[in-house]
Structures are given as C-alpha cells and as structure tokens.
Protein backbone atom coordinates (compact mmCIF):
# COMPACT_ATOMS: atom_id res chain seq x y z
CA GLU A 1 0.00 0.00 0.00
CA ASN A 2 2.88 2.37 0.75
CA PHE A 3 5.05 1.68 -2.33
CA SER A 4 4.30 1.35 -6.03
CA ARG A 5 6.91 -1.37 -6.56
CA VAL A 6 8.05 -4.02 -4.09
CA GLY A 7 10.86 -6.45 -4.81
CA ASP A 8 13.12 -6.72 -7.84
CA GLY A 9 11.69 -9.54 -9.90
CA THR A 10 11.01 -11.57 -6.79
CA PHE A 11 9.43 -10.40 -3.55
CA LEU A 12 12.05 -11.82 -1.18
CA VAL A 13 15.70 -12.53 -1.97
CA ARG A 14 17.40 -15.26 0.06
CA GLU A 15 21.00 -14.18 0.67
CA SER A 16 21.92 -17.07 2.97
CA PRO A 17 20.10 -19.84 4.87
CA ASN A 18 19.00 -17.34 7.53
CA ARG A 19 19.16 -13.95 5.77
CA PHE A 20 16.51 -12.46 3.50
CA ARG A 21 16.09 -9.07 1.83
CA THR A 22 13.59 -7.10 -0.20
CA THR A 23 13.39 -3.55 -1.54
CA ALA A 24 10.62 -1.10 -2.38
CA ILE A 25 10.42 2.14 -4.34
CA GLY A 26 7.76 4.60 -5.36
CA ARG A 27 6.67 6.53 -2.29
CA ILE A 28 6.67 10.19 -1.35
CA ASN A 29 9.25 11.47 1.14
CA CYS A 30 11.82 8.76 0.42
CA ILE A 31 14.00 7.40 -2.37
CA GLY A 32 13.36 3.80 -1.46
CA LEU A 33 13.35 1.22 1.28
CA GLN A 34 15.24 -1.97 2.04
CA VAL A 35 14.01 -4.58 4.49
CA SER A 36 16.48 -7.14 5.85
CA LEU A 37 15.49 -10.15 7.89
CA GLU A 38 18.12 -12.03 9.88
CA LEU A 39 16.75 -15.13 11.54
CA LYS A 40 18.28 -17.31 14.20
CA ARG A 41 20.38 -20.14 12.74
CA ARG A 42 17.79 -22.84 13.20
CA HIS A 43 19.37 -24.90 10.40
CA ASP A 44 22.64 -25.10 12.35
CA LEU A 45 22.52 -27.57 15.25
CA LEU A 46 25.50 -25.98 17.01
CA SER A 47 23.84 -22.54 16.88
CA VAL A 48 20.62 -24.00 18.24
CA VAL A 49 22.52 -25.49 21.19
CA LEU A 50 24.45 -22.26 21.83
CA ASP A 51 21.21 -20.30 21.75
CA LEU A 52 20.17 -22.14 24.90
CA PHE A 53 22.96 -20.29 26.71
CA ARG A 54 23.11 -16.97 24.86
CA LYS A 55 19.69 -16.03 23.58
CA SER A 56 19.62 -14.57 20.07
CA GLU A 57 16.74 -12.86 18.29
CA ASP A 58 15.13 -12.73 14.89
CA ILE A 59 16.02 -9.22 13.68
CA LEU A 60 14.12 -7.01 11.26
CA THR A 61 16.05 -4.03 9.85
CA ILE A 62 14.36 -1.33 7.77
CA ASP A 63 16.61 1.14 5.93
CA ILE A 64 15.07 4.14 4.20
CA ALA A 65 17.06 6.33 1.83
CA VAL A 66 15.99 9.98 1.82
CA ASP A 67 17.19 13.07 0.00
CA ASN A 68 15.56 15.79 2.07
CA LEU A 69 17.41 15.63 5.39
CA ASP A 70 19.25 18.43 7.18
CA PRO A 71 22.73 17.62 8.56
CA MET A 72 21.98 15.59 11.67
CA VAL A 73 22.64 12.45 13.63
CA PHE A 74 19.95 11.07 15.90
CA ALA A 75 19.67 7.69 17.56
CA ILE A 76 17.64 5.99 20.26
CA ILE A 77 19.50 2.96 21.59
CA PRO A 78 19.77 0.81 24.73
CA LYS A 79 21.92 2.58 27.35
CA LYS A 80 24.05 -0.50 27.87
CA ARG A 81 25.10 -0.43 24.22
CA GLU A 82 26.09 3.23 23.99
CA ARG A 83 29.84 2.59 24.02
CA SER A 84 29.77 -0.14 21.38
CA PHE A 85 27.25 1.79 19.24
CA ARG A 86 29.51 4.84 19.20
CA LYS A 87 32.45 2.66 18.20
CA GLU A 88 30.49 1.06 15.35
CA HIS A 89 28.98 4.30 14.04
CA LYS A 90 31.53 6.93 13.10
CA ASP A 91 28.95 9.69 12.72
CA ILE A 92 27.69 9.16 16.28
CA GLU A 93 31.23 9.06 17.64
CA SER A 94 32.20 12.25 15.78
CA PHE A 95 29.12 14.42 16.18
CA ALA A 96 26.71 13.06 18.82
CA THR A 97 28.30 14.57 21.88
CA THR A 98 24.95 14.78 23.69
CA ALA A 99 23.36 11.83 25.48
CA THR A 100 19.91 12.71 26.72
CA THR A 101 16.40 11.39 27.29
CA THR A 102 12.86 12.74 27.25
CA GLU A 103 9.72 12.37 29.34
CA GLY A 104 7.92 9.09 28.77
CA LEU A 105 10.78 7.31 27.03
CA HIS A 106 11.61 3.92 28.49
CA PRO A 107 14.41 4.27 31.10
CA SER A 108 16.52 1.58 29.45
CA LEU A 109 16.98 3.82 26.38
CA VAL A 110 19.16 6.84 25.66
CA ILE A 111 19.01 9.45 22.90
CA LEU A 112 22.25 10.32 21.09
CA THR A 113 22.22 13.45 18.93
CA ASP A 114 24.32 16.36 17.77
CA ASN A 115 21.50 18.80 18.49
CA LYS A 116 19.02 18.76 21.38
CA GLU A 117 16.38 20.64 19.39
CA LEU A 118 15.92 17.46 17.31
CA VAL A 119 14.43 15.60 20.27
CA SER A 120 11.19 17.60 20.31
CA SER A 121 11.16 18.01 16.52
CA ILE A 122 11.36 14.27 15.81
CA LEU A 123 9.67 12.61 18.77
CA SER A 124 5.95 13.13 19.10
CA ILE A 125 4.15 11.97 22.24
CA GLU A 126 2.66 9.08 20.24
CA THR A 127 6.09 7.98 18.98
CA ILE A 128 7.50 7.97 22.50
CA ARG A 129 4.52 5.96 23.73
CA THR A 130 4.90 3.43 20.93
CA ILE A 131 8.61 2.88 21.58
CA THR A 132 8.02 2.50 25.31
CA LYS A 133 4.99 0.22 24.96
CA TYR A 134 6.74 -2.08 22.50
CA ILE A 135 10.15 -1.96 24.20
CA SER A 136 10.48 -5.76 24.08
CA ASN A 137 10.50 -5.56 20.28
CA PHE A 138 12.34 -2.26 19.83
CA ASP A 139 16.09 -2.54 19.25
CA TYR A 140 17.14 0.91 18.02
CA LEU A 141 16.57 3.68 15.50
CA TRP A 142 19.28 5.75 13.80
CA PHE A 143 18.87 8.77 11.51
CA THR A 144 21.93 10.23 9.81
CA ASP A 145 23.23 12.30 6.92
CA GLN A 146 26.61 10.54 7.23
CA ASN A 147 25.88 6.84 6.67
CA PRO A 148 29.21 5.10 5.87
CA PHE A 149 27.55 1.73 5.15
CA SER A 150 25.41 2.78 2.18
CA LYS A 151 25.73 4.64 -1.10
CA PHE A 152 22.90 6.77 0.26
CA LYS A 153 24.41 9.01 2.92
CA LYS A 154 21.05 10.28 4.20
CA THR A 155 19.21 7.36 5.75
CA LEU A 156 16.73 6.38 8.42
CA ARG A 157 17.23 2.98 10.06
CA PHE A 158 14.81 1.08 12.30
CA VAL A 159 15.72 -2.22 13.92
CA PHE A 160 13.21 -4.48 15.66
CA LYS A 161 13.33 -7.82 17.47
CA LEU A 162 10.63 -10.02 16.03
CA PRO A 163 8.11 -11.70 18.36
CA GLN A 164 6.79 -15.23 18.05
CA PRO A 165 4.75 -15.82 14.85
CA GLN A 166 1.45 -15.94 16.75
CA GLU A 167 2.22 -12.52 18.26
CA MET A 168 3.41 -10.88 15.06
CA ASP A 169 0.27 -8.86 14.37
CA SER A 170 -0.20 -7.63 17.94
CA LYS A 171 3.43 -6.74 18.65
CA ILE A 172 4.98 -5.53 15.40
CA LYS A 173 2.13 -3.93 13.44
CA VAL A 174 2.09 -0.67 15.42
CA PRO A 175 5.92 -0.23 15.40
CA ILE A 176 5.87 -0.66 11.60
CA GLN A 177 3.17 2.01 11.37
CA MET A 178 5.50 4.24 13.41
CA VAL A 179 8.19 3.77 10.74
CA PHE A 180 5.98 5.25 8.03
CA PHE A 181 4.83 8.03 10.31
CA LEU A 182 8.47 9.00 10.96
CA ILE A 183 9.39 8.84 7.26
CA ASP A 184 6.80 11.55 6.63
CA ARG A 185 7.64 13.49 9.77
CA MET A 186 11.35 13.63 8.93
CA ALA A 187 10.53 15.21 5.58
CA SER A 188 9.43 18.35 7.43
CA VAL A 189 12.01 18.40 10.26
CA ARG A 190 14.29 21.39 9.81
CA LEU A 191 17.14 22.72 11.92
CA SER A 192 17.29 26.36 12.88
CA MET A 193 19.69 28.41 10.76
CA LYS A 194 22.21 28.60 13.61
CA ALA A 195 22.09 24.86 14.29
CA LYS A 196 22.38 24.01 10.60
CA GLU A 197 25.43 26.26 10.13
CA LYS A 198 27.08 24.69 13.18
CA ALA A 199 26.40 21.16 11.89
CA GLN A 200 27.75 21.98 8.43
CA LYS A 201 30.90 23.51 9.93
CA LEU A 202 31.54 20.42 12.08
CA ARG A 203 31.16 18.17 9.06
CA TYR A 204 33.53 20.32 7.01
CA LEU A 205 36.17 20.21 9.75
CA ALA A 206 35.75 16.44 10.19
CA SER A 207 36.11 15.87 6.45
CA LYS A 208 39.17 18.12 6.30
CA SER A 209 40.77 16.31 9.24
CA GLU A 210 40.10 12.89 7.68
CA LYS A 211 41.64 13.93 4.35
CA GLN A 212 44.69 15.34 6.16
CA GLN A 213 45.09 12.08 8.07
CA GLN A 214 44.87 10.09 4.84
CA ASN A 215 47.50 12.34 3.22
CA ASN A 216 49.80 11.95 6.23
CA THR A 217 49.45 8.18 6.12
CA SER A 218 50.16 8.16 2.39
CA GLN A 219 53.24 10.37 2.85
CA GLU A 220 54.56 8.20 5.69
CA LYS A 221 54.19 5.13 3.52
CA LYS A 222 56.07 6.79 0.65
CA VAL A 223 58.89 7.88 2.98
CA GLU A 224 59.14 4.38 4.41
CA GLU A 225 59.34 2.88 0.94
CA ARG A 226 62.05 5.35 -0.13
CA VAL A 227 64.17 4.69 2.95
CA LEU A 228 64.17 0.89 2.62
CA THR A 229 67.03 -0.71 0.75
CA PRO A 230 66.22 -3.43 -1.83
CA GLU A 231 67.21 -6.12 0.66
CA GLU A 232 65.07 -4.56 3.40
CA GLN A 233 62.15 -4.29 1.01
CA LYS A 234 62.42 -8.00 0.18
CA LYS A 235 62.46 -8.90 3.87
CA LYS A 236 59.41 -6.73 4.43
CA GLU A 237 57.52 -8.38 1.56
CA ARG A 238 58.43 -11.87 2.84
CA LYS A 239 57.24 -10.91 6.33
CA GLU A 240 53.93 -9.58 5.01
CA ALA A 241 53.43 -12.67 2.85
CA LYS A 242 54.10 -14.87 5.87
CA LYS A 243 51.41 -13.02 7.83
CA ARG A 244 48.92 -13.52 5.01
CA ASN A 245 49.64 -17.24 4.68
CA PRO A 246 51.50 -18.53 7.77
CA TYR A 247 50.99 -22.22 6.93
CA LYS A 248 52.93 -21.89 3.70
CA TYR A 249 56.02 -20.82 5.63
CA LYS A 250 55.63 -22.94 8.76
CA VAL A 251 58.30 -25.59 9.32
CA PHE A 252 57.26 -28.74 11.18
CA LYS A 253 59.99 -30.45 13.16
CA SER A 254 59.81 -34.14 14.03
C-alpha cells in the first residue's frame, strides 16, 4: 500500500540460509526502502545449542534512503550499548556529543544526537509511547546524513526484534506504522539556521581532518618505501606474505 513497486523480480531474496532481503520504491518522502530479515540459525545444530545459553533474536532491519534531510545524527538505543554503538557508528562518535532522554521514554533507552532541538522536533508523544509500549521488540533507530555503510548518505534505520509468529500482528504492526509516520515526519524536520550552520561547519572540519590524516598516512608510507634498501624491502615483503599465509612458511619439526 505504501510503495508502487516491491521487490526486484522476486518479492524476497534469500541471501543465505537465515538472511533475507527485499526492496521497495515509489513513495513520497523517500527514495526507497530496504528490508532485511536475519533469523536465528535454526538450520545449524550448534547454533541451536548455543542459543540455549546466549539467547539470540530474529532481527528485522528497515533502511530508508531519503534526499531531504538536514545535517543531523539522531539515535535511540539501549543505554548498555552506547559505548559499542559509538564505536560502530563513526557519525555518532564524531558528532553526537549529547546523550539525553525525554519524558515518557523507556528508562533503558538513551538518545544520542548532535542537536538537542531534534528531540522535540522528531519525537511526538505518540512515537515515545509506541517505543516504550513495544520496548520488548524495539532494538534501536538511527537517523543520519553521514551513513558510511550505504551509497545513500542520508538514511533512516529502524531495527526491531521479532516476536513469536502468533504474536506478530499484535506486537509488530504498530511499530511498523510508526516507521511510516516518521518517514513523513522527517521530511518536514528542519534545523534552525544557527544549528544548521554549526552542523555543516563540524562536518567540514571532520572531512578536512580525515583527508589530512589520509595524506599523512600516504606520505609516511612513501617515505618508508624510499628509505628501505632493496634487501630490506624483500624482507618486508616476505614478512607480510608470511602473515597472510603462515601455513605456507611454517616448518614442522619431528
């Protein structure tokens, strides 16, 4: 109902025994959508046994590419995962210096953003209530103009933990409706002029610093290569080859 075209020849693409993907295009306020489904490894006996000790989940990830997004990073994640999430998401680590919350949001969650004014602009009372009510199925959401994992830099990501099949309609239907509500809401979210200029400046400085670091690394590598004698260069190449394939060079003594 939301998209004019779903799937690319086939509705669901099976990427591996437990991973599935589909795409959709043809909707206002977004370029397109990708849905990824990662199921528990029920086909793998070892994984089934290990799951008895470390419980895994069936995960639904919805990625939406947009083209009308001000410079921003905004995420709602479990507090206990803040450190690892920052490490895995360069934009959050670089720009989201603020960790905050808001009234009504489940206490196990934290909001990470580069601008506090986004909290009230993005989160309606109904959205907060939905996230809190369905906390057992909510994993995280992440909005960014700096996505390093996609060719689309401006993206909205929603991740949910799927319930049991018999509970699917009662526990996941409303969170999915929230996704489409937020797609449309984000199309009208705008930073103040001052906040936008600050965000753009920070991104310019971060990009400049990254390019400088890359140039320094490249220069150091060139200097190192110039300094090495032919014999030293050969030793270096043998050492690197040994690291890549240690068994080829290993000597077994009887």
